[in-house]
N, C-alpha and C. Protein backbone atom coordinates (compact mmCIF):
# COMPACT_ATOMS: atom_id res chain seq x y z
N MET A 1 0.85 -1.18 0.00
CA MET A 1 0.00 0.00 0.00
C MET A 1 0.89 1.24 0.00
N THR A 2 0.45 2.25 -0.72
CA THR A 2 1.17 3.50 -0.78
C THR A 2 1.01 4.26 0.53
N VAL A 3 2.09 4.83 1.00
CA VAL A 3 2.05 5.63 2.23
C VAL A 3 1.50 7.01 1.88
N LEU A 4 0.58 7.48 2.70
CA LEU A 4 -0.01 8.80 2.53
C LEU A 4 0.98 9.89 2.93
N THR A 5 0.87 11.04 2.29
CA THR A 5 1.61 12.21 2.77
C THR A 5 0.87 12.73 4.01
N ARG A 6 1.52 13.60 4.76
CA ARG A 6 0.87 14.16 5.95
C ARG A 6 -0.38 14.96 5.55
N SER A 7 -0.28 15.74 4.48
CA SER A 7 -1.44 16.51 4.02
C SER A 7 -2.59 15.58 3.63
N GLU A 8 -2.29 14.53 2.90
CA GLU A 8 -3.33 13.57 2.51
C GLU A 8 -3.98 12.94 3.73
N GLU A 9 -3.16 12.59 4.71
CA GLU A 9 -3.69 12.00 5.93
C GLU A 9 -4.64 12.97 6.63
N LEU A 10 -4.22 14.22 6.80
CA LEU A 10 -5.06 15.21 7.48
C LEU A 10 -6.35 15.48 6.70
N ILE A 11 -6.27 15.51 5.39
CA ILE A 11 -7.45 15.73 4.57
C ILE A 11 -8.42 14.54 4.71
N LEU A 12 -7.90 13.32 4.65
CA LEU A 12 -8.77 12.15 4.82
C LEU A 12 -9.41 12.14 6.21
N LEU A 13 -8.65 12.49 7.23
CA LEU A 13 -9.21 12.55 8.58
C LEU A 13 -10.30 13.61 8.67
N SER A 14 -10.13 14.72 7.98
CA SER A 14 -11.16 15.76 7.96
C SER A 14 -12.42 15.28 7.26
N VAL A 15 -12.26 14.59 6.15
CA VAL A 15 -13.41 14.03 5.44
C VAL A 15 -14.17 13.08 6.36
N TRP A 16 -13.42 12.24 7.07
CA TRP A 16 -14.03 11.29 8.00
C TRP A 16 -14.77 12.02 9.12
N LYS A 17 -14.16 13.05 9.67
CA LYS A 17 -14.75 13.81 10.76
C LYS A 17 -16.03 14.53 10.32
N LEU A 18 -15.98 15.15 9.14
CA LEU A 18 -17.10 15.96 8.68
C LEU A 18 -18.27 15.14 8.13
N GLN A 19 -18.01 13.90 7.76
CA GLN A 19 -19.06 13.01 7.25
C GLN A 19 -19.84 13.66 6.11
N ALA A 20 -21.15 13.80 6.27
CA ALA A 20 -22.04 14.29 5.21
C ALA A 20 -21.77 15.75 4.84
N GLU A 21 -21.02 16.47 5.68
CA GLU A 21 -20.72 17.87 5.41
C GLU A 21 -19.30 18.06 4.85
N ALA A 22 -18.72 17.01 4.32
CA ALA A 22 -17.35 17.07 3.81
C ALA A 22 -17.32 17.58 2.37
N TYR A 23 -17.25 18.89 2.21
CA TYR A 23 -17.04 19.51 0.90
C TYR A 23 -15.83 20.42 1.04
N GLY A 24 -15.30 20.87 -0.06
CA GLY A 24 -14.02 21.57 -0.08
C GLY A 24 -13.82 22.65 0.96
N ALA A 25 -14.73 23.63 1.02
CA ALA A 25 -14.55 24.75 1.95
C ALA A 25 -14.64 24.28 3.40
N ALA A 26 -15.55 23.36 3.69
CA ALA A 26 -15.68 22.85 5.06
C ALA A 26 -14.43 22.08 5.47
N ILE A 27 -13.87 21.30 4.56
CA ILE A 27 -12.64 20.55 4.83
C ILE A 27 -11.51 21.54 5.10
N ARG A 28 -11.40 22.54 4.26
CA ARG A 28 -10.35 23.56 4.43
C ARG A 28 -10.49 24.28 5.77
N ASN A 29 -11.71 24.66 6.13
CA ASN A 29 -11.95 25.34 7.41
C ASN A 29 -11.61 24.43 8.58
N HIS A 30 -11.98 23.17 8.49
CA HIS A 30 -11.68 22.21 9.57
C HIS A 30 -10.16 22.07 9.74
N LEU A 31 -9.45 21.93 8.63
CA LEU A 31 -7.99 21.80 8.68
C LEU A 31 -7.37 23.04 9.32
N SER A 32 -7.85 24.21 8.95
CA SER A 32 -7.32 25.45 9.52
C SER A 32 -7.60 25.53 11.01
N ASP A 33 -8.81 25.15 11.41
CA ASP A 33 -9.16 25.18 12.83
C ASP A 33 -8.28 24.24 13.65
N VAL A 34 -8.07 23.04 13.14
CA VAL A 34 -7.33 22.02 13.89
C VAL A 34 -5.83 22.33 13.92
N THR A 35 -5.28 22.75 12.79
CA THR A 35 -3.83 22.95 12.72
C THR A 35 -3.40 24.36 13.12
N GLY A 36 -4.33 25.31 13.10
CA GLY A 36 -3.97 26.70 13.37
C GLY A 36 -3.23 27.35 12.22
N GLU A 37 -3.23 26.72 11.08
CA GLU A 37 -2.55 27.23 9.89
C GLU A 37 -3.58 27.51 8.80
N ASP A 38 -3.28 28.46 7.92
CA ASP A 38 -4.14 28.71 6.77
C ASP A 38 -3.82 27.67 5.70
N TRP A 39 -4.83 27.03 5.18
CA TRP A 39 -4.66 26.04 4.12
C TRP A 39 -5.11 26.67 2.80
N PRO A 40 -4.18 26.97 1.91
CA PRO A 40 -4.57 27.52 0.60
C PRO A 40 -5.50 26.55 -0.13
N VAL A 41 -6.37 27.10 -0.95
CA VAL A 41 -7.35 26.30 -1.67
C VAL A 41 -6.68 25.16 -2.44
N ALA A 42 -5.59 25.47 -3.13
CA ALA A 42 -4.91 24.45 -3.94
C ALA A 42 -4.34 23.31 -3.09
N SER A 43 -4.00 23.59 -1.83
CA SER A 43 -3.43 22.55 -0.98
C SER A 43 -4.51 21.60 -0.45
N VAL A 44 -5.77 21.92 -0.70
CA VAL A 44 -6.86 21.02 -0.32
C VAL A 44 -7.45 20.34 -1.56
N TYR A 45 -7.79 21.13 -2.58
CA TYR A 45 -8.47 20.56 -3.74
C TYR A 45 -7.57 19.67 -4.59
N GLY A 46 -6.30 20.01 -4.73
CA GLY A 46 -5.38 19.14 -5.49
C GLY A 46 -5.28 17.76 -4.87
N PRO A 47 -4.95 17.66 -3.59
CA PRO A 47 -4.90 16.35 -2.95
C PRO A 47 -6.25 15.62 -2.95
N LEU A 48 -7.35 16.35 -2.78
CA LEU A 48 -8.67 15.70 -2.83
C LEU A 48 -8.90 15.03 -4.18
N ASP A 49 -8.51 15.71 -5.25
CA ASP A 49 -8.66 15.11 -6.58
C ASP A 49 -7.79 13.86 -6.72
N ARG A 50 -6.56 13.93 -6.21
CA ARG A 50 -5.67 12.75 -6.28
C ARG A 50 -6.22 11.61 -5.42
N LEU A 51 -6.72 11.94 -4.23
CA LEU A 51 -7.27 10.91 -3.35
C LEU A 51 -8.50 10.25 -3.98
N ALA A 52 -9.30 11.04 -4.67
CA ALA A 52 -10.46 10.48 -5.38
C ALA A 52 -9.99 9.57 -6.51
N GLY A 53 -8.97 10.00 -7.22
CA GLY A 53 -8.43 9.19 -8.31
C GLY A 53 -7.83 7.87 -7.85
N ARG A 54 -7.32 7.87 -6.63
CA ARG A 54 -6.73 6.64 -6.06
C ARG A 54 -7.78 5.78 -5.35
N GLY A 55 -9.02 6.25 -5.28
CA GLY A 55 -10.09 5.48 -4.68
C GLY A 55 -10.20 5.60 -3.18
N PHE A 56 -9.55 6.60 -2.57
CA PHE A 56 -9.60 6.78 -1.12
C PHE A 56 -10.84 7.56 -0.68
N VAL A 57 -11.39 8.35 -1.59
CA VAL A 57 -12.65 9.05 -1.36
C VAL A 57 -13.50 8.92 -2.62
N LYS A 58 -14.83 9.00 -2.42
CA LYS A 58 -15.73 9.11 -3.55
C LYS A 58 -16.35 10.49 -3.50
N THR A 59 -16.84 10.94 -4.63
CA THR A 59 -17.42 12.26 -4.70
C THR A 59 -18.87 12.18 -5.19
N ARG A 60 -19.63 13.19 -4.80
CA ARG A 60 -20.98 13.37 -5.33
C ARG A 60 -21.25 14.86 -5.38
N MET A 61 -22.11 15.24 -6.27
CA MET A 61 -22.46 16.64 -6.41
C MET A 61 -23.76 16.91 -5.66
N GLY A 62 -23.76 18.01 -4.89
CA GLY A 62 -24.96 18.44 -4.18
C GLY A 62 -25.87 19.23 -5.11
N GLU A 63 -26.96 19.69 -4.56
CA GLU A 63 -27.91 20.50 -5.32
C GLU A 63 -27.39 21.94 -5.46
N PRO A 64 -27.76 22.62 -6.53
CA PRO A 64 -27.40 24.04 -6.66
C PRO A 64 -28.05 24.85 -5.54
N THR A 65 -27.32 25.86 -5.06
CA THR A 65 -27.86 26.71 -3.99
C THR A 65 -27.77 28.18 -4.39
N PRO A 66 -28.76 28.96 -3.98
CA PRO A 66 -28.71 30.40 -4.30
C PRO A 66 -27.50 31.09 -3.67
N GLU A 67 -27.08 30.64 -2.46
CA GLU A 67 -25.94 31.26 -1.78
C GLU A 67 -24.66 31.12 -2.59
N ARG A 68 -24.60 30.10 -3.42
CA ARG A 68 -23.40 29.87 -4.24
C ARG A 68 -23.63 30.29 -5.69
N GLY A 69 -24.64 31.12 -5.92
CA GLY A 69 -24.92 31.58 -7.28
C GLY A 69 -25.37 30.46 -8.19
N GLY A 70 -26.07 29.48 -7.63
CA GLY A 70 -26.56 28.35 -8.42
C GLY A 70 -25.55 27.24 -8.63
N ARG A 71 -24.37 27.40 -8.07
CA ARG A 71 -23.35 26.35 -8.22
C ARG A 71 -23.61 25.23 -7.21
N ARG A 72 -23.10 24.06 -7.53
CA ARG A 72 -23.28 22.89 -6.67
C ARG A 72 -22.01 22.62 -5.89
N LYS A 73 -22.16 22.10 -4.67
CA LYS A 73 -21.01 21.68 -3.87
C LYS A 73 -20.63 20.27 -4.27
N ARG A 74 -19.33 20.01 -4.22
CA ARG A 74 -18.82 18.66 -4.46
C ARG A 74 -18.50 18.06 -3.10
N TYR A 75 -19.20 17.00 -2.73
CA TYR A 75 -19.04 16.35 -1.44
C TYR A 75 -18.10 15.15 -1.57
N PHE A 76 -17.39 14.88 -0.49
CA PHE A 76 -16.44 13.78 -0.46
C PHE A 76 -16.82 12.80 0.65
N LYS A 77 -16.62 11.51 0.37
CA LYS A 77 -16.90 10.48 1.37
C LYS A 77 -15.73 9.50 1.40
N LEU A 78 -15.29 9.19 2.60
CA LEU A 78 -14.20 8.24 2.79
C LEU A 78 -14.65 6.85 2.36
N THR A 79 -13.80 6.14 1.63
CA THR A 79 -14.10 4.78 1.19
C THR A 79 -13.39 3.78 2.12
N ALA A 80 -13.71 2.51 1.95
CA ALA A 80 -13.03 1.46 2.72
C ALA A 80 -11.52 1.50 2.42
N LYS A 81 -11.17 1.79 1.19
CA LYS A 81 -9.75 1.89 0.82
C LYS A 81 -9.10 3.08 1.54
N GLY A 82 -9.83 4.17 1.72
CA GLY A 82 -9.33 5.33 2.45
C GLY A 82 -9.12 5.02 3.93
N VAL A 83 -10.06 4.28 4.52
CA VAL A 83 -9.92 3.87 5.93
C VAL A 83 -8.70 2.97 6.07
N ALA A 84 -8.52 2.04 5.13
CA ALA A 84 -7.37 1.14 5.18
C ALA A 84 -6.06 1.93 5.08
N ALA A 85 -6.03 2.95 4.23
CA ALA A 85 -4.83 3.78 4.09
C ALA A 85 -4.54 4.54 5.39
N LEU A 86 -5.59 5.04 6.04
CA LEU A 86 -5.41 5.73 7.33
C LEU A 86 -4.93 4.77 8.41
N ASN A 87 -5.48 3.59 8.45
CA ASN A 87 -5.02 2.60 9.43
C ASN A 87 -3.58 2.20 9.18
N HIS A 88 -3.20 2.09 7.91
CA HIS A 88 -1.82 1.74 7.55
C HIS A 88 -0.84 2.81 8.02
N ILE A 89 -1.16 4.07 7.74
CA ILE A 89 -0.25 5.15 8.14
C ILE A 89 -0.21 5.28 9.66
N ARG A 90 -1.33 5.03 10.33
CA ARG A 90 -1.33 5.09 11.80
C ARG A 90 -0.46 3.99 12.38
N ALA A 91 -0.50 2.79 11.82
CA ALA A 91 0.34 1.68 12.30
C ALA A 91 1.82 2.02 12.12
N ILE A 92 2.16 2.64 11.00
CA ILE A 92 3.55 3.04 10.76
C ILE A 92 3.97 4.08 11.80
N GLN A 93 3.12 5.08 12.03
CA GLN A 93 3.45 6.12 13.01
C GLN A 93 3.58 5.53 14.41
N ASP A 94 2.69 4.62 14.78
CA ASP A 94 2.77 3.99 16.10
C ASP A 94 4.10 3.25 16.27
N LYS A 95 4.55 2.55 15.22
CA LYS A 95 5.84 1.84 15.29
C LYS A 95 7.00 2.82 15.43
N MET A 96 6.92 3.91 14.67
CA MET A 96 7.99 4.90 14.73
C MET A 96 8.05 5.55 16.12
N TRP A 97 6.91 5.93 16.67
CA TRP A 97 6.88 6.57 17.99
C TRP A 97 7.30 5.59 19.08
N ALA A 98 6.90 4.33 18.96
CA ALA A 98 7.21 3.35 19.99
C ALA A 98 8.71 3.06 20.06
N SER A 99 9.42 3.28 18.97
CA SER A 99 10.85 2.96 18.95
C SER A 99 11.74 4.10 19.43
N LEU A 100 11.16 5.24 19.77
CA LEU A 100 11.96 6.39 20.19
C LEU A 100 12.32 6.30 21.67
N PRO A 101 13.51 6.79 22.01
CA PRO A 101 13.84 6.89 23.43
C PRO A 101 13.03 8.03 24.05
N VAL A 102 12.89 7.99 25.35
CA VAL A 102 12.16 9.06 26.03
C VAL A 102 12.98 10.34 25.90
N ALA A 103 12.34 11.38 25.41
CA ALA A 103 13.04 12.64 25.15
C ALA A 103 13.48 13.30 26.46
N GLY A 104 14.72 13.72 26.50
CA GLY A 104 15.21 14.48 27.65
C GLY A 104 15.60 13.66 28.85
N VAL A 105 15.35 12.38 28.87
CA VAL A 105 15.67 11.55 30.03
C VAL A 105 17.03 10.88 29.78
N GLY A 106 17.95 11.14 30.68
CA GLY A 106 19.26 10.50 30.60
C GLY A 106 20.14 11.03 29.49
N THR A 107 19.83 12.20 28.96
CA THR A 107 20.68 12.78 27.91
C THR A 107 21.43 13.98 28.48
N ARG A 108 22.54 14.27 27.86
CA ARG A 108 23.35 15.43 28.25
C ARG A 108 23.28 16.48 27.17
N SER A 109 23.29 17.71 27.58
CA SER A 109 23.28 18.82 26.61
C SER A 109 24.68 19.13 26.17
């Protein structure tokens, strides 16, 4: 299985968290809220398109809304393959963290 980038991981986690409300702007806002960083539009939509292409998320189009000038929102949903990718990256991170010595204990400056 391909290892996710950190951005891809955070985007997939946001899609999972937001569930039925997972569309581009909501995902971007969630990422900004959680990380405290501004996420440029391209840093969300580009990876979302790649994740959809790899089968980690599926997309559907919502109904047109007057607030958006008649445009439709594109919603994202995590797939079983996306969950498997998240579990894979989490297992890798758990192994990496478990192998570290305790920081600051028994070390000299």
